[in-house]
């Protein structure tokens, strides 16, 4: 909690159960306005209720804290990690 920056990569890769959702809310609440947070996800915030055990109230509370005073960068494009996939599939080299 005392770190100036916490990075959460790939939020939503796996859905959280109810207990994990509430623990995540506690974590976000404890970090709220106390330090910076970088969060990556391949899901739109509209889909986050699916990540958080279908719990709309918890999702709204989490988003309320995350989105307050935030900067959102939306990247629409090809995955950097898969940039060479087409060449490999065609039999070429990356």
PDB file of N, CA and C in Angstrom:
ATOM      1  N   UNK A   1       0.813  -1.204   0.000  1.00  0.00           N
ATOM      2  CA  UNK A   1       0.000   0.000   0.000  1.00  0.00           C
ATOM      3  C   UNK A   1       0.853   1.263   0.000  1.00  0.00           C
ATOM      4  N   UNK A   2       2.101   1.171   0.423  1.00  0.00           N
ATOM      5  CA  UNK A   2       2.944   2.356   0.529  1.00  0.00           C
ATOM      6  C   UNK A   2       3.699   2.668  -0.759  1.00  0.00           C
ATOM      7  N   UNK A   3       3.612   1.795  -1.752  1.00  0.00           N
ATOM      8  CA  UNK A   3       4.289   2.057  -3.021  1.00  0.00           C
ATOM      9  C   UNK A   3       3.636   3.229  -3.740  1.00  0.00           C
ATOM     10  N   UNK A   4       4.448   4.028  -4.386  1.00  0.00           N
ATOM     11  CA  UNK A   4       3.926   5.186  -5.110  1.00  0.00           C
ATOM     12  C   UNK A   4       3.118   4.756  -6.337  1.00  0.00           C
ATOM     13  N   UNK A   5       3.445   3.595  -6.894  1.00  0.00           N
ATOM     14  CA  UNK A   5       2.782   3.113  -8.104  1.00  0.00           C
ATOM     15  C   UNK A   5       2.533   1.616  -7.996  1.00  0.00           C
ATOM     16  N   UNK A   6       1.321   1.213  -8.355  1.00  0.00           N
ATOM     17  CA  UNK A   6       0.972  -0.206  -8.455  1.00  0.00           C
ATOM     18  C   UNK A   6       0.486  -0.434  -9.881  1.00  0.00           C
ATOM     19  N   UNK A   7       0.994  -1.484 -10.512  1.00  0.00           N
ATOM     20  CA  UNK A   7       0.591  -1.825 -11.872  1.00  0.00           C
ATOM     21  C   UNK A   7      -0.169  -3.157 -11.825  1.00  0.00           C
ATOM     22  N   UNK A   8      -1.391  -3.122 -12.345  1.00  0.00           N
ATOM     23  CA  UNK A   8      -2.216  -4.327 -12.455  1.00  0.00           C
ATOM     24  C   UNK A   8      -2.390  -4.623 -13.941  1.00  0.00           C
ATOM     25  N   UNK A   9      -1.783  -5.688 -14.396  1.00  0.00           N
ATOM     26  CA  UNK A   9      -1.797  -6.026 -15.816  1.00  0.00           C
ATOM     27  C   UNK A   9      -2.819  -7.120 -16.082  1.00  0.00           C
ATOM     28  N   UNK A  10      -3.582  -6.950 -17.154  1.00  0.00           N
ATOM     29  CA  UNK A  10      -4.536  -7.952 -17.634  1.00  0.00           C
ATOM     30  C   UNK A  10      -5.722  -8.186 -16.700  1.00  0.00           C
ATOM     31  N   UNK A  11      -6.257  -7.129 -16.106  1.00  0.00           N
ATOM     32  CA  UNK A  11      -7.474  -7.281 -15.309  1.00  0.00           C
ATOM     33  C   UNK A  11      -8.576  -7.793 -16.223  1.00  0.00           C
ATOM     34  N   UNK A  12      -9.229  -8.827 -15.825  1.00  0.00           N
ATOM     35  CA  UNK A  12     -10.299  -9.395 -16.630  1.00  0.00           C
ATOM     36  C   UNK A  12      -9.889 -10.622 -17.402  1.00  0.00           C
ATOM     37  N   UNK A  13      -8.612 -10.957 -17.356  1.00  0.00           N
ATOM     38  CA  UNK A  13      -8.172 -12.190 -18.012  1.00  0.00           C
ATOM     39  C   UNK A  13      -8.950 -13.367 -17.439  1.00  0.00           C
ATOM     40  N   UNK A  14      -9.123 -13.348 -16.130  1.00  0.00           N
ATOM     41  CA  UNK A  14      -9.959 -14.329 -15.455  1.00  0.00           C
ATOM     42  C   UNK A  14     -10.948 -13.575 -14.576  1.00  0.00           C
ATOM     43  N   UNK A  15     -12.175 -14.053 -14.545  1.00  0.00           N
ATOM     44  CA  UNK A  15     -13.184 -13.440 -13.686  1.00  0.00           C
ATOM     45  C   UNK A  15     -12.885 -13.770 -12.229  1.00  0.00           C
ATOM     46  N   UNK A  16     -13.270 -12.864 -11.364  1.00  0.00           N
ATOM     47  CA  UNK A  16     -13.088 -13.065  -9.929  1.00  0.00           C
ATOM     48  C   UNK A  16     -14.377 -13.605  -9.322  1.00  0.00           C
ATOM     49  N   UNK A  17     -14.243 -14.411  -8.285  1.00  0.00           N
ATOM     50  CA  UNK A  17     -15.440 -14.847  -7.581  1.00  0.00           C
ATOM     51  C   UNK A  17     -15.867 -13.745  -6.614  1.00  0.00           C
ATOM     52  N   UNK A  18     -16.949 -13.948  -5.905  1.00  0.00           N
ATOM     53  CA  UNK A  18     -17.502 -12.918  -5.018  1.00  0.00           C
ATOM     54  C   UNK A  18     -16.493 -12.492  -3.942  1.00  0.00           C
ATOM     55  N   UNK A  19     -15.828 -13.443  -3.328  1.00  0.00           N
ATOM     56  CA  UNK A  19     -14.853 -13.137  -2.277  1.00  0.00           C
ATOM     57  C   UNK A  19     -13.691 -12.324  -2.840  1.00  0.00           C
ATOM     58  N   UNK A  20     -13.161 -12.757  -3.992  1.00  0.00           N
ATOM     59  CA  UNK A  20     -12.058 -12.050  -4.634  1.00  0.00           C
ATOM     60  C   UNK A  20     -12.473 -10.640  -5.054  1.00  0.00           C
ATOM     61  N   UNK A  21     -13.715 -10.505  -5.524  1.00  0.00           N
ATOM     62  CA  UNK A  21     -14.236  -9.190  -5.901  1.00  0.00           C
ATOM     63  C   UNK A  21     -14.233  -8.247  -4.708  1.00  0.00           C
ATOM     64  N   UNK A  22     -14.682  -8.731  -3.561  1.00  0.00           N
ATOM     65  CA  UNK A  22     -14.722  -7.874  -2.372  1.00  0.00           C
ATOM     66  C   UNK A  22     -13.318  -7.569  -1.847  1.00  0.00           C
ATOM     67  N   UNK A  23     -12.400  -8.517  -1.976  1.00  0.00           N
ATOM     68  CA  UNK A  23     -11.013  -8.236  -1.606  1.00  0.00           C
ATOM     69  C   UNK A  23     -10.398  -7.199  -2.548  1.00  0.00           C
ATOM     70  N   UNK A  24     -10.721  -7.299  -3.834  1.00  0.00           N
ATOM     71  CA  UNK A  24     -10.226  -6.319  -4.795  1.00  0.00           C
ATOM     72  C   UNK A  24     -10.784  -4.938  -4.476  1.00  0.00           C
ATOM     73  N   UNK A  25     -12.071  -4.856  -4.124  1.00  0.00           N
ATOM     74  CA  UNK A  25     -12.658  -3.580  -3.732  1.00  0.00           C
ATOM     75  C   UNK A  25     -11.925  -2.997  -2.520  1.00  0.00           C
ATOM     76  N   UNK A  26     -11.625  -3.825  -1.546  1.00  0.00           N
ATOM     77  CA  UNK A  26     -10.895  -3.346  -0.364  1.00  0.00           C
ATOM     78  C   UNK A  26      -9.515  -2.812  -0.755  1.00  0.00           C
ATOM     79  N   UNK A  27      -8.853  -3.510  -1.661  1.00  0.00           N
ATOM     80  CA  UNK A  27      -7.546  -3.065  -2.139  1.00  0.00           C
ATOM     81  C   UNK A  27      -7.656  -1.706  -2.835  1.00  0.00           C
ATOM     82  N   UNK A  28      -8.607  -1.575  -3.752  1.00  0.00           N
ATOM     83  CA  UNK A  28      -8.795  -0.322  -4.489  1.00  0.00           C
ATOM     84  C   UNK A  28      -9.166   0.796  -3.522  1.00  0.00           C
ATOM     85  N   UNK A  29     -10.008   0.508  -2.564  1.00  0.00           N
ATOM     86  CA  UNK A  29     -10.399   1.517  -1.574  1.00  0.00           C
ATOM     87  C   UNK A  29      -9.207   1.968  -0.739  1.00  0.00           C
ATOM     88  N   UNK A  30      -8.354   1.047  -0.383  1.00  0.00           N
ATOM     89  CA  UNK A  30      -7.175   1.384   0.417  1.00  0.00           C
ATOM     90  C   UNK A  30      -6.182   2.220  -0.394  1.00  0.00           C
ATOM     91  N   UNK A  31      -6.102   1.970  -1.691  1.00  0.00           N
ATOM     92  CA  UNK A  31      -5.186   2.717  -2.571  1.00  0.00           C
ATOM     93  C   UNK A  31      -5.760   4.056  -3.020  1.00  0.00           C
ATOM     94  N   UNK A  32      -7.066   4.204  -2.939  1.00  0.00           N
ATOM     95  CA  UNK A  32      -7.774   5.360  -3.489  1.00  0.00           C
ATOM     96  C   UNK A  32      -7.159   6.674  -3.016  1.00  0.00           C
ATOM     97  N   UNK A  33      -6.698   7.485  -3.932  1.00  0.00           N
ATOM     98  CA  UNK A  33      -6.095   8.808  -3.739  1.00  0.00           C
ATOM     99  C   UNK A  33      -4.813   8.753  -2.900  1.00  0.00           C
ATOM    100  N   UNK A  34      -4.243   7.592  -2.709  1.00  0.00           N
ATOM    101  CA  UNK A  34      -3.013   7.471  -1.927  1.00  0.00           C
ATOM    102  C   UNK A  34      -1.791   7.176  -2.784  1.00  0.00           C
ATOM    103  N   UNK A  35      -2.033   6.776  -4.009  1.00  0.00           N
ATOM    104  CA  UNK A  35      -0.932   6.448  -4.890  1.00  0.00           C
ATOM    105  C   UNK A  35      -1.442   6.208  -6.296  1.00  0.00           C
ATOM    106  N   UNK A  36      -0.532   6.117  -7.218  1.00  0.00           N
ATOM    107  CA  UNK A  36      -0.892   5.932  -8.622  1.00  0.00           C
ATOM    108  C   UNK A  36      -1.160   4.463  -8.931  1.00  0.00           C
ATOM    109  N   UNK A  37      -2.023   4.264  -9.912  1.00  0.00           N
ATOM    110  CA  UNK A  37      -2.409   2.925 -10.333  1.00  0.00           C
ATOM    111  C   UNK A  37      -2.421   2.895 -11.853  1.00  0.00           C
ATOM    112  N   UNK A  38      -1.719   1.939 -12.415  1.00  0.00           N
ATOM    113  CA  UNK A  38      -1.805   1.673 -13.850  1.00  0.00           C
ATOM    114  C   UNK A  38      -2.492   0.325 -13.972  1.00  0.00           C
ATOM    115  N   UNK A  39      -3.556   0.312 -14.767  1.00  0.00           N
ATOM    116  CA  UNK A  39      -4.360  -0.891 -14.898  1.00  0.00           C
ATOM    117  C   UNK A  39      -4.544  -1.170 -16.384  1.00  0.00           C
ATOM    118  N   UNK A  40      -4.288  -2.401 -16.799  1.00  0.00           N
ATOM    119  CA  UNK A  40      -4.537  -2.783 -18.189  1.00  0.00           C
ATOM    120  C   UNK A  40      -5.617  -3.852 -18.219  1.00  0.00           C
ATOM    121  N   UNK A  41      -6.414  -3.799 -19.275  1.00  0.00           N
ATOM    122  CA  UNK A  41      -7.473  -4.782 -19.460  1.00  0.00           C
ATOM    123  C   UNK A  41      -7.809  -4.855 -20.934  1.00  0.00           C
ATOM    124  N   UNK A  42      -8.188  -6.013 -21.386  1.00  0.00           N
ATOM    125  CA  UNK A  42      -8.636  -6.140 -22.766  1.00  0.00           C
ATOM    126  C   UNK A  42     -10.158  -6.051 -22.844  1.00  0.00           C
ATOM    127  N   UNK A  43     -10.775  -5.677 -21.733  1.00  0.00           N
ATOM    128  CA  UNK A  43     -12.231  -5.541 -21.671  1.00  0.00           C
ATOM    129  C   UNK A  43     -12.640  -4.097 -21.432  1.00  0.00           C
ATOM    130  N   UNK A  44     -13.721  -3.719 -22.059  1.00  0.00           N
ATOM    131  CA  UNK A  44     -14.305  -2.405 -21.840  1.00  0.00           C
ATOM    132  C   UNK A  44     -14.883  -2.346 -20.427  1.00  0.00           C
ATOM    133  N   UNK A  45     -14.915  -1.159 -19.845  1.00  0.00           N
ATOM    134  CA  UNK A  45     -15.496  -1.041 -18.496  1.00  0.00           C
ATOM    135  C   UNK A  45     -16.954  -1.472 -18.484  1.00  0.00           C
ATOM    136  N   UNK A  46     -17.612  -1.429 -19.620  1.00  0.00           N
ATOM    137  CA  UNK A  46     -19.004  -1.911 -19.703  1.00  0.00           C
ATOM    138  C   UNK A  46     -19.101  -3.414 -19.414  1.00  0.00           C
ATOM    139  N   UNK A  47     -18.009  -4.121 -19.611  1.00  0.00           N
ATOM    140  CA  UNK A  47     -17.980  -5.570 -19.388  1.00  0.00           C
ATOM    141  C   UNK A  47     -17.482  -5.954 -17.997  1.00  0.00           C
ATOM    142  N   UNK A  48     -17.087  -4.986 -17.201  1.00  0.00           N
ATOM    143  CA  UNK A  48     -16.431  -5.309 -15.939  1.00  0.00           C
ATOM    144  C   UNK A  48     -17.331  -6.010 -14.930  1.00  0.00           C
ATOM    145  N   UNK A  49     -18.615  -5.853 -15.043  1.00  0.00           N
ATOM    146  CA  UNK A  49     -19.491  -6.568 -14.113  1.00  0.00           C
ATOM    147  C   UNK A  49     -19.285  -8.080 -14.269  1.00  0.00           C
ATOM    148  N   UNK A  50     -18.932  -8.517 -15.463  1.00  0.00           N
ATOM    149  CA  UNK A  50     -18.642  -9.941 -15.694  1.00  0.00           C
ATOM    150  C   UNK A  50     -17.357 -10.350 -14.991  1.00  0.00           C
ATOM    151  N   UNK A  51     -16.409  -9.439 -14.892  1.00  0.00           N
ATOM    152  CA  UNK A  51     -15.147  -9.725 -14.211  1.00  0.00           C
ATOM    153  C   UNK A  51     -15.383  -9.887 -12.713  1.00  0.00           C
ATOM    154  N   UNK A  52     -16.276  -9.047 -12.175  1.00  0.00           N
ATOM    155  CA  UNK A  52     -16.472  -8.989 -10.730  1.00  0.00           C
ATOM    156  C   UNK A  52     -17.710  -9.761 -10.276  1.00  0.00           C
ATOM    157  N   UNK A  53     -17.760 -11.024 -10.639  1.00  0.00           N
ATOM    158  CA  UNK A  53     -18.751 -11.996 -10.154  1.00  0.00           C
ATOM    159  C   UNK A  53     -20.197 -11.563 -10.403  1.00  0.00           C
ATOM    160  N   UNK A  54     -20.424 -10.749 -11.425  1.00  0.00           N
ATOM    161  CA  UNK A  54     -21.782 -10.295 -11.716  1.00  0.00           C
ATOM    162  C   UNK A  54     -22.341  -9.331 -10.680  1.00  0.00           C
ATOM    163  N   UNK A  55     -21.491  -8.843  -9.802  1.00  0.00           N
ATOM    164  CA  UNK A  55     -21.915  -7.963  -8.706  1.00  0.00           C
ATOM    165  C   UNK A  55     -21.889  -6.505  -9.173  1.00  0.00           C
ATOM    166  N   UNK A  56     -23.052  -5.999  -9.581  1.00  0.00           N
ATOM    167  CA  UNK A  56     -23.136  -4.649 -10.125  1.00  0.00           C
ATOM    168  C   UNK A  56     -22.760  -3.589  -9.098  1.00  0.00           C
ATOM    169  N   UNK A  57     -23.167  -3.761  -7.863  1.00  0.00           N
ATOM    170  CA  UNK A  57     -22.872  -2.772  -6.832  1.00  0.00           C
ATOM    171  C   UNK A  57     -21.367  -2.670  -6.572  1.00  0.00           C
ATOM    172  N   UNK A  58     -20.721  -3.813  -6.440  1.00  0.00           N
ATOM    173  CA  UNK A  58     -19.269  -3.823  -6.217  1.00  0.00           C
ATOM    174  C   UNK A  58     -18.546  -3.249  -7.431  1.00  0.00           C
ATOM    175  N   UNK A  59     -18.999  -3.595  -8.633  1.00  0.00           N
ATOM    176  CA  UNK A  59     -18.377  -3.087  -9.854  1.00  0.00           C
ATOM    177  C   UNK A  59     -18.474  -1.573  -9.920  1.00  0.00           C
ATOM    178  N   UNK A  60     -19.651  -1.032  -9.616  1.00  0.00           N
ATOM    179  CA  UNK A  60     -19.827   0.424  -9.635  1.00  0.00           C
ATOM    180  C   UNK A  60     -18.939   1.098  -8.593  1.00  0.00           C
ATOM    181  N   UNK A  61     -18.819   0.504  -7.427  1.00  0.00           N
ATOM    182  CA  UNK A  61     -17.975   1.080  -6.368  1.00  0.00           C
ATOM    183  C   UNK A  61     -16.505   1.047  -6.771  1.00  0.00           C
ATOM    184  N   UNK A  62     -16.079  -0.049  -7.392  1.00  0.00           N
ATOM    185  CA  UNK A  62     -14.690  -0.161  -7.857  1.00  0.00           C
ATOM    186  C   UNK A  62     -14.422   0.869  -8.954  1.00  0.00           C
ATOM    187  N   UNK A  63     -15.322   0.945  -9.936  1.00  0.00           N
ATOM    188  CA  UNK A  63     -15.146   1.897 -11.034  1.00  0.00           C
ATOM    189  C   UNK A  63     -15.189   3.334 -10.542  1.00  0.00           C
ATOM    190  N   UNK A  64     -16.029   3.615  -9.570  1.00  0.00           N
ATOM    191  CA  UNK A  64     -16.110   4.958  -9.009  1.00  0.00           C
ATOM    192  C   UNK A  64     -14.747   5.409  -8.502  1.00  0.00           C
ATOM    193  N   UNK A  65     -14.057   4.538  -7.822  1.00  0.00           N
ATOM    194  CA  UNK A  65     -12.749   4.874  -7.267  1.00  0.00           C
ATOM    195  C   UNK A  65     -11.649   4.879  -8.326  1.00  0.00           C
ATOM    196  N   UNK A  66     -11.710   3.924  -9.241  1.00  0.00           N
ATOM    197  CA  UNK A  66     -10.681   3.838 -10.279  1.00  0.00           C
ATOM    198  C   UNK A  66     -10.779   5.005 -11.267  1.00  0.00           C
ATOM    199  N   UNK A  67     -11.985   5.358 -11.662  1.00  0.00           N
ATOM    200  CA  UNK A  67     -12.155   6.356 -12.710  1.00  0.00           C
ATOM    201  C   UNK A  67     -12.072   7.795 -12.217  1.00  0.00           C
ATOM    202  N   UNK A  68     -12.220   8.009 -10.916  1.00  0.00           N
ATOM    203  CA  UNK A  68     -12.112   9.359 -10.379  1.00  0.00           C
ATOM    204  C   UNK A  68     -10.680   9.858 -10.547  1.00  0.00           C
ATOM    205  N   UNK A  69     -10.520  10.985 -11.183  1.00  0.00           N
ATOM    206  CA  UNK A  69      -9.208  11.588 -11.414  1.00  0.00           C
ATOM    207  C   UNK A  69      -8.281  10.664 -12.211  1.00  0.00           C
ATOM    208  N   UNK A  70      -8.834  10.007 -13.212  1.00  0.00           N
ATOM    209  CA  UNK A  70      -8.028   9.069 -13.998  1.00  0.00           C
ATOM    210  C   UNK A  70      -7.810   9.583 -15.420  1.00  0.00           C
ATOM    211  N   UNK A  71      -6.882   8.976 -16.091  1.00  0.00           N
ATOM    212  CA  UNK A  71      -6.633   9.192 -17.506  1.00  0.00           C
ATOM    213  C   UNK A  71      -6.818   7.837 -18.178  1.00  0.00           C
ATOM    214  N   UNK A  72      -7.679   7.785 -19.160  1.00  0.00           N
ATOM    215  CA  UNK A  72      -7.955   6.524 -19.842  1.00  0.00           C
ATOM    216  C   UNK A  72      -7.326   6.563 -21.230  1.00  0.00           C
ATOM    217  N   UNK A  73      -6.531   5.562 -21.522  1.00  0.00           N
ATOM    218  CA  UNK A  73      -5.934   5.409 -22.838  1.00  0.00           C
ATOM    219  C   UNK A  73      -6.528   4.152 -23.465  1.00  0.00           C
ATOM    220  N   UNK A  74      -7.217   4.322 -24.560  1.00  0.00           N
ATOM    221  CA  UNK A  74      -7.805   3.189 -25.253  1.00  0.00           C
ATOM    222  C   UNK A  74      -6.981   2.928 -26.508  1.00  0.00           C
ATOM    223  N   UNK A  75      -6.473   1.738 -26.599  1.00  0.00           N
ATOM    224  CA  UNK A  75      -5.637   1.373 -27.738  1.00  0.00           C
ATOM    225  C   UNK A  75      -6.409   0.378 -28.585  1.00  0.00           C
ATOM    226  N   UNK A  76      -6.676   0.780 -29.808  1.00  0.00           N
ATOM    227  CA  UNK A  76      -7.411  -0.076 -30.722  1.00  0.00           C
ATOM    228  C   UNK A  76      -6.466  -0.454 -31.843  1.00  0.00           C
ATOM    229  N   UNK A  77      -6.082  -1.670 -31.863  1.00  0.00           N
ATOM    230  CA  UNK A  77      -5.147  -2.096 -32.892  1.00  0.00           C
ATOM    231  C   UNK A  77      -4.652  -3.491 -32.621  1.00  0.00           C
ATOM    232  N   UNK A  78      -3.685  -3.855 -33.381  1.00  0.00           N
ATOM    233  CA  UNK A  78      -3.122  -5.188 -33.254  1.00  0.00           C
ATOM    234  C   UNK A  78      -2.279  -5.310 -31.997  1.00  0.00           C
ATOM    235  N   UNK A  79      -2.253  -6.493 -31.481  1.00  0.00           N
ATOM    236  CA  UNK A  79      -1.436  -6.789 -30.318  1.00  0.00           C
ATOM    237  C   UNK A  79       0.045  -6.714 -30.694  1.00  0.00           C
ATOM    238  N   UNK A  80       0.816  -6.020 -29.885  1.00  0.00           N
ATOM    239  CA  UNK A  80       2.259  -5.954 -30.115  1.00  0.00           C
ATOM    240  C   UNK A  80       2.877  -7.339 -30.008  1.00  0.00           C
ATOM    241  N   UNK A  81       2.379  -8.130 -29.083  1.00  0.00           N
ATOM    242  CA  UNK A  81       2.930  -9.475 -28.882  1.00  0.00           C
ATOM    243  C   UNK A  81       2.683 -10.375 -30.084  1.00  0.00           C
ATOM    244  N   UNK A  82       1.628 -10.080 -30.848  1.00  0.00           N
ATOM    245  CA  UNK A  82       1.287 -10.923 -31.992  1.00  0.00           C
ATOM    246  C   UNK A  82       1.644 -10.279 -33.331  1.00  0.00           C
ATOM    247  N   UNK A  83       2.459  -9.233 -33.294  1.00  0.00           N
ATOM    248  CA  UNK A  83       2.769  -8.472 -34.504  1.00  0.00           C
ATOM    249  C   UNK A  83       3.404  -9.327 -35.595  1.00  0.00           C
ATOM    250  N   UNK A  84       4.113 -10.362 -35.246  1.00  0.00           N
ATOM    251  CA  UNK A  84       4.789 -11.195 -36.233  1.00  0.00           C
ATOM    252  C   UNK A  84       4.023 -12.477 -36.560  1.00  0.00           C
ATOM    253  N   UNK A  85       2.838 -12.639 -36.015  1.00  0.00           N
ATOM    254  CA  UNK A  85       2.085 -13.880 -36.183  1.00  0.00           C
ATOM    255  C   UNK A  85       1.750 -14.161 -37.647  1.00  0.00           C
ATOM    256  N   UNK A  86       1.295 -13.163 -38.390  1.00  0.00           N
ATOM    257  CA  UNK A  86       0.922 -13.391 -39.790  1.00  0.00           C
ATOM    258  C   UNK A  86       2.098 -13.913 -40.604  1.00  0.00           C
ATOM    259  N   UNK A  87       3.268 -13.346 -40.422  1.00  0.00           N
ATOM    260  CA  UNK A  87       4.467 -13.800 -41.154  1.00  0.00           C
ATOM    261  C   UNK A  87       4.798 -15.243 -40.787  1.00  0.00           C
ATOM    262  N   UNK A  88       4.675 -15.574 -39.536  1.00  0.00           N
ATOM    263  CA  UNK A  88       4.977 -16.937 -39.101  1.00  0.00           C
ATOM    264  C   UNK A  88       3.973 -17.919 -39.699  1.00  0.00           C
ATOM    265  N   UNK A  89       2.685 -17.555 -39.694  1.00  0.00           N
ATOM    266  CA  UNK A  89       1.654 -18.432 -40.247  1.00  0.00           C
ATOM    267  C   UNK A  89       1.791 -18.612 -41.752  1.00  0.00           C
ATOM    268  N   UNK A  90       2.308 -17.596 -42.420  1.00  0.00           N
ATOM    269  CA  UNK A  90       2.536 -17.711 -43.879  1.00  0.00           C
ATOM    270  C   UNK A  90       3.791 -18.512 -44.184  1.00  0.00           C
ATOM    271  N   UNK A  91       4.517 -18.914 -43.178  1.00  0.00           N
ATOM    272  CA  UNK A  91       5.725 -19.702 -43.395  1.00  0.00           C
ATOM    273  C   UNK A  91       6.993 -18.872 -43.421  1.00  0.00           C
ATOM    274  N   UNK A  92       6.846 -17.574 -43.214  1.00  0.00           N
ATOM    275  CA  UNK A  92       8.004 -16.702 -43.187  1.00  0.00           C
ATOM    276  C   UNK A  92       8.602 -16.650 -41.800  1.00  0.00           C
ATOM    277  N   UNK A  93       9.558 -15.801 -41.634  1.00  0.00           N
ATOM    278  CA  UNK A  93      10.170 -15.632 -40.332  1.00  0.00           C
ATOM    279  C   UNK A  93       9.834 -14.266 -39.787  1.00  0.00           C
ATOM    280  N   UNK A  94       9.800 -14.190 -38.490  1.00  0.00           N
ATOM    281  CA  UNK A  94       9.506 -12.921 -37.830  1.00  0.00           C
ATOM    282  C   UNK A  94      10.709 -12.021 -37.784  1.00  0.00           C
TER     283      UNK A  94
END
